[in-house]
Amino acid sequence: MTTHPAEATTESLDPDWRRYGEALLHAMAEVRAETPENVHAVLMETADYWLSLGLAIGTEQPETARRLLRLIETEEPELLELTADAQHFVAEALG
């Protein structure tokens, strides 16, 4: 994602990239609602980075990704909620 609107307008984005960006915006809606608008671009850039990092770990080292996820989400209800959120994000991002 970009923090420079002049670099990428909605019209110039690849449809797949646009769908991913919209899914990320929706996934971050609650956080964005709780923060000042002037930090939203940084929040989105940060979310994009951490999502990309997680995907890279999950792709290259699936067992390590599972261990890290269990470390981060130790309670089963939270893990189930995160899993549901992830499924919704994937469905929206990939269509």
Protein backbone atom coordinates (compact mmCIF):
# COMPACT_ATOMS: atom_id res chain seq x y z
CA MET A 1 0.00 0.00 0.00
CA THR A 2 1.11 3.56 -0.39
CA THR A 3 0.85 6.56 1.85
CA HIS A 4 1.14 8.88 -1.15
CA PRO A 5 -2.28 9.28 -2.81
CA ALA A 6 -0.70 10.93 -5.86
CA GLU A 7 1.31 7.77 -6.54
CA ALA A 8 -1.70 5.46 -6.78
CA THR A 9 -5.24 6.51 -7.42
CA THR A 10 -8.13 4.09 -7.26
CA GLU A 11 -8.49 4.24 -11.04
CA SER A 12 -4.85 3.34 -11.68
CA LEU A 13 -4.72 0.33 -9.37
CA ASP A 14 -4.81 -3.23 -10.62
CA PRO A 15 -8.24 -4.72 -9.70
CA ASP A 16 -6.60 -7.42 -7.55
CA TRP A 17 -4.54 -4.84 -5.66
CA ARG A 18 -7.63 -2.65 -5.21
CA ARG A 19 -9.60 -5.61 -3.81
CA TYR A 20 -6.73 -6.38 -1.40
CA GLY A 21 -6.57 -2.74 -0.29
CA GLU A 22 -10.31 -2.59 0.30
CA ALA A 23 -10.18 -5.82 2.30
CA LEU A 24 -7.36 -4.37 4.41
CA LEU A 25 -9.35 -1.17 4.96
CA HIS A 26 -12.37 -3.20 6.08
CA ALA A 27 -10.26 -5.37 8.36
CA MET A 28 -8.79 -2.27 9.98
CA ALA A 29 -12.10 -0.36 10.24
CA GLU A 30 -12.39 -0.71 14.01
CA VAL A 31 -8.82 0.46 14.62
CA ARG A 32 -9.22 3.32 12.16
CA ALA A 33 -12.43 4.41 13.90
CA GLU A 34 -10.53 4.66 17.18
CA THR A 35 -7.58 6.67 15.88
CA PRO A 36 -7.11 10.16 14.48
CA GLU A 37 -7.46 10.35 10.70
CA ASN A 38 -3.98 11.82 10.28
CA VAL A 39 -2.41 8.49 11.35
CA HIS A 40 -4.56 6.21 9.15
CA ALA A 41 -2.03 6.06 6.32
CA VAL A 42 0.71 4.97 8.72
CA LEU A 43 -1.62 2.41 10.30
CA MET A 44 -2.45 0.94 6.91
CA GLU A 45 1.20 0.84 5.84
CA THR A 46 2.06 -0.91 9.12
CA ALA A 47 -0.79 -3.41 8.75
CA ASP A 48 0.28 -4.15 5.18
CA TYR A 49 3.85 -4.77 6.32
CA TRP A 50 2.91 -7.11 9.18
CA LEU A 51 0.43 -8.99 7.04
CA SER A 52 3.11 -9.45 4.37
CA LEU A 53 5.60 -10.59 7.01
CA GLY A 54 3.13 -13.11 8.39
CA LEU A 55 2.34 -14.43 4.94
CA ALA A 56 6.04 -14.80 4.16
CA ILE A 57 6.62 -16.72 7.39
CA GLY A 58 3.52 -18.85 6.81
CA THR A 59 4.55 -19.67 3.26
CA GLU A 60 8.20 -20.43 3.93
CA GLN A 61 7.92 -21.86 7.45
CA PRO A 62 4.37 -23.11 8.13
CA GLU A 63 5.22 -24.85 11.40
CA THR A 64 6.95 -21.73 12.70
CA ALA A 65 3.89 -19.70 11.73
CA ARG A 66 1.64 -22.07 13.70
CA ARG A 67 3.94 -21.80 16.73
CA LEU A 68 4.00 -18.01 16.55
CA LEU A 69 0.22 -17.84 16.20
CA ARG A 70 -0.22 -20.05 19.28
CA LEU A 71 2.24 -17.82 21.14
CA ILE A 72 0.30 -14.67 20.18
CA GLU A 73 -3.21 -16.07 20.63
CA THR A 74 -3.06 -18.39 23.63
CA GLU A 75 -6.82 -18.53 24.27
CA GLU A 76 -8.87 -20.77 22.00
CA PRO A 77 -11.83 -18.35 21.60
CA GLU A 78 -9.52 -15.58 20.42
CA LEU A 79 -7.76 -17.97 18.04
CA LEU A 80 -11.11 -19.08 16.61
CA GLU A 81 -12.17 -15.44 16.16
CA LEU A 82 -8.88 -14.64 14.44
CA THR A 83 -9.29 -17.66 12.18
CA ALA A 84 -12.79 -16.50 11.20
CA ASP A 85 -11.48 -12.97 10.57
CA ALA A 86 -8.70 -14.43 8.41
CA GLN A 87 -11.16 -16.47 6.35
CA HIS A 88 -13.32 -13.40 5.81
CA PHE A 89 -10.27 -11.32 4.81
CA VAL A 90 -9.09 -13.94 2.30
CA ALA A 91 -12.55 -14.25 0.78
CA GLU A 92 -12.80 -10.46 0.37
CA ALA A 93 -9.21 -9.94 -0.81
CA LEU A 94 -9.18 -12.74 -3.36
CA GLY A 95 -12.81 -12.57 -4.39
